[in-house]
């Protein structure tokens, strides 16, 4: 779905698709996002830990 994101969890071997369910228009910067886990996914170029060590910023995600 348009707007879904890809999450790479530190202990997982594959990336996952997540859907942001955070409240909108709060006027505040979100320090974390609330998300629904859609499922695992194949994403060429980021499988099997290939993104580790590229300087990405970690973000807290609350799944429900």
PDB file of N, CA and C in Angstrom:
ATOM      1  N   UNK A   1       0.842  -1.173   0.000  1.00  0.00           N
ATOM      2  CA  UNK A   1       0.000   0.000   0.000  1.00  0.00           C
ATOM      3  C   UNK A   1       0.892   1.243   0.000  1.00  0.00           C
ATOM      4  N   UNK A   2       0.471   2.269  -0.668  1.00  0.00           N
ATOM      5  CA  UNK A   2       1.232   3.513  -0.689  1.00  0.00           C
ATOM      6  C   UNK A   2       1.368   4.033   0.736  1.00  0.00           C
ATOM      7  N   UNK A   3       2.575   4.407   1.116  1.00  0.00           N
ATOM      8  CA  UNK A   3       2.824   4.921   2.455  1.00  0.00           C
ATOM      9  C   UNK A   3       3.367   3.893   3.428  1.00  0.00           C
ATOM     10  N   UNK A   4       3.298   2.614   3.083  1.00  0.00           N
ATOM     11  CA  UNK A   4       3.878   1.589   3.946  1.00  0.00           C
ATOM     12  C   UNK A   4       5.388   1.749   3.949  1.00  0.00           C
ATOM     13  N   UNK A   5       6.026   1.265   5.009  1.00  0.00           N
ATOM     14  CA  UNK A   5       7.468   1.379   5.121  1.00  0.00           C
ATOM     15  C   UNK A   5       8.126   0.022   5.232  1.00  0.00           C
ATOM     16  N   UNK A   6       9.430   0.036   5.126  1.00  0.00           N
ATOM     17  CA  UNK A   6      10.234  -1.165   5.296  1.00  0.00           C
ATOM     18  C   UNK A   6      11.023  -0.995   6.583  1.00  0.00           C
ATOM     19  N   UNK A   7      10.926  -1.981   7.455  1.00  0.00           N
ATOM     20  CA  UNK A   7      11.659  -1.962   8.719  1.00  0.00           C
ATOM     21  C   UNK A   7      12.639  -3.112   8.746  1.00  0.00           C
ATOM     22  N   UNK A   8      13.807  -2.835   9.288  1.00  0.00           N
ATOM     23  CA  UNK A   8      14.823  -3.863   9.466  1.00  0.00           C
ATOM     24  C   UNK A   8      15.053  -3.991  10.964  1.00  0.00           C
ATOM     25  N   UNK A   9      14.579  -5.080  11.540  1.00  0.00           N
ATOM     26  CA  UNK A   9      14.725  -5.310  12.968  1.00  0.00           C
ATOM     27  C   UNK A   9      16.085  -5.945  13.224  1.00  0.00           C
ATOM     28  N   UNK A  10      16.736  -5.520  14.285  1.00  0.00           N
ATOM     29  CA  UNK A  10      18.126  -5.917  14.519  1.00  0.00           C
ATOM     30  C   UNK A  10      18.319  -7.423  14.628  1.00  0.00           C
ATOM     31  N   UNK A  11      17.341  -8.162  15.094  1.00  0.00           N
ATOM     32  CA  UNK A  11      17.517  -9.608  15.259  1.00  0.00           C
ATOM     33  C   UNK A  11      16.897 -10.424  14.129  1.00  0.00           C
ATOM     34  N   UNK A  12      16.344  -9.764  13.129  1.00  0.00           N
ATOM     35  CA  UNK A  12      15.646 -10.483  12.056  1.00  0.00           C
ATOM     36  C   UNK A  12      16.547 -10.680  10.840  1.00  0.00           C
ATOM     37  N   UNK A  13      16.310 -11.765  10.113  1.00  0.00           N
ATOM     38  CA  UNK A  13      17.109 -12.055   8.922  1.00  0.00           C
ATOM     39  C   UNK A  13      16.551 -11.384   7.670  1.00  0.00           C
ATOM     40  N   UNK A  14      15.281 -10.966   7.697  1.00  0.00           N
ATOM     41  CA  UNK A  14      14.661 -10.341   6.532  1.00  0.00           C
ATOM     42  C   UNK A  14      14.004  -9.027   6.936  1.00  0.00           C
ATOM     43  N   UNK A  15      13.794  -8.129   5.988  1.00  0.00           N
ATOM     44  CA  UNK A  15      13.058  -6.894   6.277  1.00  0.00           C
ATOM     45  C   UNK A  15      11.554  -7.178   6.394  1.00  0.00           C
ATOM     46  N   UNK A  16      10.838  -6.241   6.971  1.00  0.00           N
ATOM     47  CA  UNK A  16       9.400  -6.370   7.160  1.00  0.00           C
ATOM     48  C   UNK A  16       8.689  -5.128   6.648  1.00  0.00           C
ATOM     49  N   UNK A  17       7.456  -5.309   6.197  1.00  0.00           N
ATOM     50  CA  UNK A  17       6.623  -4.188   5.789  1.00  0.00           C
ATOM     51  C   UNK A  17       5.819  -3.751   7.011  1.00  0.00           C
ATOM     52  N   UNK A  18       5.813  -2.445   7.285  1.00  0.00           N
ATOM     53  CA  UNK A  18       5.030  -1.901   8.385  1.00  0.00           C
ATOM     54  C   UNK A  18       4.139  -0.778   7.865  1.00  0.00           C
ATOM     55  N   UNK A  19       3.012  -0.584   8.541  1.00  0.00           N
ATOM     56  CA  UNK A  19       2.086   0.490   8.198  1.00  0.00           C
ATOM     57  C   UNK A  19       2.002   1.427   9.392  1.00  0.00           C
ATOM     58  N   UNK A  20       2.369   2.687   9.184  1.00  0.00           N
ATOM     59  CA  UNK A  20       2.366   3.701  10.236  1.00  0.00           C
ATOM     60  C   UNK A  20       0.934   3.986  10.672  1.00  0.00           C
ATOM     61  N   UNK A  21       0.660   3.826  11.970  1.00  0.00           N
ATOM     62  CA  UNK A  21      -0.658   4.123  12.524  1.00  0.00           C
ATOM     63  C   UNK A  21      -0.587   5.246  13.546  1.00  0.00           C
ATOM     64  N   UNK A  22       0.487   6.031  13.507  1.00  0.00           N
ATOM     65  CA  UNK A  22       0.672   7.145  14.440  1.00  0.00           C
ATOM     66  C   UNK A  22      -0.385   8.216  14.195  1.00  0.00           C
ATOM     67  N   UNK A  23      -0.789   8.924  15.257  1.00  0.00           N
ATOM     68  CA  UNK A  23      -1.730  10.026  15.067  1.00  0.00           C
ATOM     69  C   UNK A  23      -1.124  11.111  14.174  1.00  0.00           C
ATOM     70  N   UNK A  24      -1.936  11.769  13.403  1.00  0.00           N
ATOM     71  CA  UNK A  24      -1.473  12.816  12.486  1.00  0.00           C
ATOM     72  C   UNK A  24      -1.824  14.197  13.008  1.00  0.00           C
ATOM     73  N   UNK A  25      -1.104  15.189  12.496  1.00  0.00           N
ATOM     74  CA  UNK A  25      -1.371  16.598  12.783  1.00  0.00           C
ATOM     75  C   UNK A  25      -1.311  16.926  14.274  1.00  0.00           C
ATOM     76  N   UNK A  26      -0.353  16.343  14.979  1.00  0.00           N
ATOM     77  CA  UNK A  26      -0.213  16.643  16.400  1.00  0.00           C
ATOM     78  C   UNK A  26       0.626  17.882  16.630  1.00  0.00           C
ATOM     79  N   UNK A  27       1.373  18.311  15.626  1.00  0.00           N
ATOM     80  CA  UNK A  27       2.231  19.480  15.781  1.00  0.00           C
ATOM     81  C   UNK A  27       3.506  19.201  16.550  1.00  0.00           C
ATOM     82  N   UNK A  28       3.712  17.965  16.938  1.00  0.00           N
ATOM     83  CA  UNK A  28       4.902  17.585  17.694  1.00  0.00           C
ATOM     84  C   UNK A  28       5.740  16.622  16.874  1.00  0.00           C
ATOM     85  N   UNK A  29       7.059  16.701  17.064  1.00  0.00           N
ATOM     86  CA  UNK A  29       7.950  15.758  16.404  1.00  0.00           C
ATOM     87  C   UNK A  29       7.801  14.394  17.068  1.00  0.00           C
ATOM     88  N   UNK A  30       7.591  13.371  16.259  1.00  0.00           N
ATOM     89  CA  UNK A  30       7.427  12.025  16.790  1.00  0.00           C
ATOM     90  C   UNK A  30       8.798  11.420  17.107  1.00  0.00           C
ATOM     91  N   UNK A  31       8.964  10.936  18.328  1.00  0.00           N
ATOM     92  CA  UNK A  31      10.196  10.263  18.718  1.00  0.00           C
ATOM     93  C   UNK A  31      10.120   8.774  18.410  1.00  0.00           C
ATOM     94  N   UNK A  32       8.934   8.286  18.201  1.00  0.00           N
ATOM     95  CA  UNK A  32       8.724   6.898  17.812  1.00  0.00           C
ATOM     96  C   UNK A  32       7.486   6.847  16.939  1.00  0.00           C
ATOM     97  N   UNK A  33       7.310   5.743  16.255  1.00  0.00           N
ATOM     98  CA  UNK A  33       6.093   5.567  15.475  1.00  0.00           C
ATOM     99  C   UNK A  33       5.331   4.359  15.982  1.00  0.00           C
ATOM    100  N   UNK A  34       4.027   4.432  15.862  1.00  0.00           N
ATOM    101  CA  UNK A  34       3.164   3.288  16.121  1.00  0.00           C
ATOM    102  C   UNK A  34       2.916   2.647  14.768  1.00  0.00           C
ATOM    103  N   UNK A  35       3.025   1.342  14.713  1.00  0.00           N
ATOM    104  CA  UNK A  35       2.905   0.686  13.417  1.00  0.00           C
ATOM    105  C   UNK A  35       2.235  -0.671  13.540  1.00  0.00           C
ATOM    106  N   UNK A  36       1.646  -1.067  12.434  1.00  0.00           N
ATOM    107  CA  UNK A  36       1.073  -2.396  12.296  1.00  0.00           C
ATOM    108  C   UNK A  36       2.034  -3.213  11.443  1.00  0.00           C
ATOM    109  N   UNK A  37       2.365  -4.403  11.897  1.00  0.00           N
ATOM    110  CA  UNK A  37       3.246  -5.285  11.136  1.00  0.00           C
ATOM    111  C   UNK A  37       2.432  -5.977  10.056  1.00  0.00           C
ATOM    112  N   UNK A  38       2.792  -5.750   8.792  1.00  0.00           N
ATOM    113  CA  UNK A  38       2.079  -6.346   7.670  1.00  0.00           C
ATOM    114  C   UNK A  38       2.649  -7.727   7.349  1.00  0.00           C
ATOM    115  N   UNK A  39       3.964  -7.850   7.326  1.00  0.00           N
ATOM    116  CA  UNK A  39       4.585  -9.152   7.064  1.00  0.00           C
ATOM    117  C   UNK A  39       6.005  -8.997   6.575  1.00  0.00           C
ATOM    118  N   UNK A  40       6.675 -10.104   6.359  1.00  0.00           N
ATOM    119  CA  UNK A  40       8.046 -10.056   5.872  1.00  0.00           C
ATOM    120  C   UNK A  40       8.052  -9.785   4.374  1.00  0.00           C
ATOM    121  N   UNK A  41       9.211  -9.396   3.860  1.00  0.00           N
ATOM    122  CA  UNK A  41       9.287  -9.008   2.447  1.00  0.00           C
ATOM    123  C   UNK A  41      10.676  -9.279   1.893  1.00  0.00           C
ATOM    124  N   UNK A  42      10.721  -9.424   0.586  1.00  0.00           N
ATOM    125  CA  UNK A  42      11.999  -9.463  -0.116  1.00  0.00           C
ATOM    126  C   UNK A  42      12.248  -8.065  -0.667  1.00  0.00           C
ATOM    127  N   UNK A  43      13.399  -7.493  -0.306  1.00  0.00           N
ATOM    128  CA  UNK A  43      13.790  -6.188  -0.832  1.00  0.00           C
ATOM    129  C   UNK A  43      15.219  -6.329  -1.332  1.00  0.00           C
ATOM    130  N   UNK A  44      15.390  -6.283  -2.633  1.00  0.00           N
ATOM    131  CA  UNK A  44      16.700  -6.489  -3.236  1.00  0.00           C
ATOM    132  C   UNK A  44      17.707  -5.485  -2.668  1.00  0.00           C
ATOM    133  N   UNK A  45      18.850  -5.988  -2.250  1.00  0.00           N
ATOM    134  CA  UNK A  45      19.932  -5.135  -1.754  1.00  0.00           C
ATOM    135  C   UNK A  45      19.956  -4.931  -0.254  1.00  0.00           C
ATOM    136  N   UNK A  46      18.914  -5.375   0.456  1.00  0.00           N
ATOM    137  CA  UNK A  46      18.956  -5.227   1.918  1.00  0.00           C
ATOM    138  C   UNK A  46      18.611  -6.531   2.636  1.00  0.00           C
ATOM    139  N   UNK A  47      18.811  -7.639   1.987  1.00  0.00           N
ATOM    140  CA  UNK A  47      18.555  -8.939   2.606  1.00  0.00           C
ATOM    141  C   UNK A  47      19.808  -9.410   3.351  1.00  0.00           C
ATOM    142  N   UNK A  48      19.603 -10.281   4.314  1.00  0.00           N
ATOM    143  CA  UNK A  48      20.713 -10.945   5.027  1.00  0.00           C
ATOM    144  C   UNK A  48      21.701  -9.986   5.664  1.00  0.00           C
ATOM    145  N   UNK A  49      21.200  -8.898   6.264  1.00  0.00           N
ATOM    146  CA  UNK A  49      22.066  -7.981   7.002  1.00  0.00           C
ATOM    147  C   UNK A  49      22.913  -7.062   6.161  1.00  0.00           C
ATOM    148  N   UNK A  50      22.604  -6.889   4.893  1.00  0.00           N
ATOM    149  CA  UNK A  50      23.421  -6.063   4.007  1.00  0.00           C
ATOM    150  C   UNK A  50      23.397  -4.575   4.360  1.00  0.00           C
ATOM    151  N   UNK A  51      22.446  -4.149   5.179  1.00  0.00           N
ATOM    152  CA  UNK A  51      22.389  -2.729   5.549  1.00  0.00           C
ATOM    153  C   UNK A  51      23.158  -2.424   6.823  1.00  0.00           C
ATOM    154  N   UNK A  52      23.567  -3.442   7.548  1.00  0.00           N
ATOM    155  CA  UNK A  52      24.276  -3.237   8.808  1.00  0.00           C
ATOM    156  C   UNK A  52      25.570  -2.468   8.562  1.00  0.00           C
ATOM    157  N   UNK A  53      25.792  -1.433   9.365  1.00  0.00           N
ATOM    158  CA  UNK A  53      27.034  -0.673   9.282  1.00  0.00           C
ATOM    159  C   UNK A  53      27.064   0.408   8.219  1.00  0.00           C
ATOM    160  N   UNK A  54      25.932   0.763   7.648  1.00  0.00           N
ATOM    161  CA  UNK A  54      25.890   1.823   6.646  1.00  0.00           C
ATOM    162  C   UNK A  54      25.590   3.188   7.248  1.00  0.00           C
ATOM    163  N   UNK A  55      25.535   3.285   8.550  1.00  0.00           N
ATOM    164  CA  UNK A  55      25.306   4.563   9.210  1.00  0.00           C
ATOM    165  C   UNK A  55      23.841   4.954   9.334  1.00  0.00           C
ATOM    166  N   UNK A  56      22.930   4.010   9.236  1.00  0.00           N
ATOM    167  CA  UNK A  56      21.519   4.321   9.376  1.00  0.00           C
ATOM    168  C   UNK A  56      21.204   4.723  10.807  1.00  0.00           C
ATOM    169  N   UNK A  57      20.179   5.522  10.966  1.00  0.00           N
ATOM    170  CA  UNK A  57      19.711   5.932  12.275  1.00  0.00           C
ATOM    171  C   UNK A  57      18.646   4.955  12.748  1.00  0.00           C
ATOM    172  N   UNK A  58      18.763   4.519  13.988  1.00  0.00           N
ATOM    173  CA  UNK A  58      17.753   3.629  14.551  1.00  0.00           C
ATOM    174  C   UNK A  58      16.575   4.450  15.035  1.00  0.00           C
ATOM    175  N   UNK A  59      15.380   3.898  14.896  1.00  0.00           N
ATOM    176  CA  UNK A  59      14.173   4.558  15.360  1.00  0.00           C
ATOM    177  C   UNK A  59      13.337   3.541  16.102  1.00  0.00           C
ATOM    178  N   UNK A  60      12.750   3.963  17.212  1.00  0.00           N
ATOM    179  CA  UNK A  60      11.899   3.082  17.986  1.00  0.00           C
ATOM    180  C   UNK A  60      10.553   2.940  17.294  1.00  0.00           C
ATOM    181  N   UNK A  61      10.081   1.705  17.187  1.00  0.00           N
ATOM    182  CA  UNK A  61       8.798   1.417  16.556  1.00  0.00           C
ATOM    183  C   UNK A  61       7.967   0.599  17.538  1.00  0.00           C
ATOM    184  N   UNK A  62       6.746   1.027  17.789  1.00  0.00           N
ATOM    185  CA  UNK A  62       5.815   0.287  18.643  1.00  0.00           C
ATOM    186  C   UNK A  62       4.829  -0.446  17.756  1.00  0.00           C
ATOM    187  N   UNK A  63       4.894  -1.777  17.761  1.00  0.00           N
ATOM    188  CA  UNK A  63       3.989  -2.580  16.929  1.00  0.00           C
ATOM    189  C   UNK A  63       2.752  -2.951  17.720  1.00  0.00           C
ATOM    190  N   UNK A  64       1.635  -2.934  17.045  1.00  0.00           N
ATOM    191  CA  UNK A  64       0.382  -3.369  17.678  1.00  0.00           C
ATOM    192  C   UNK A  64      -0.465  -4.117  16.689  1.00  0.00           C
TER     193      UNK A  64
END
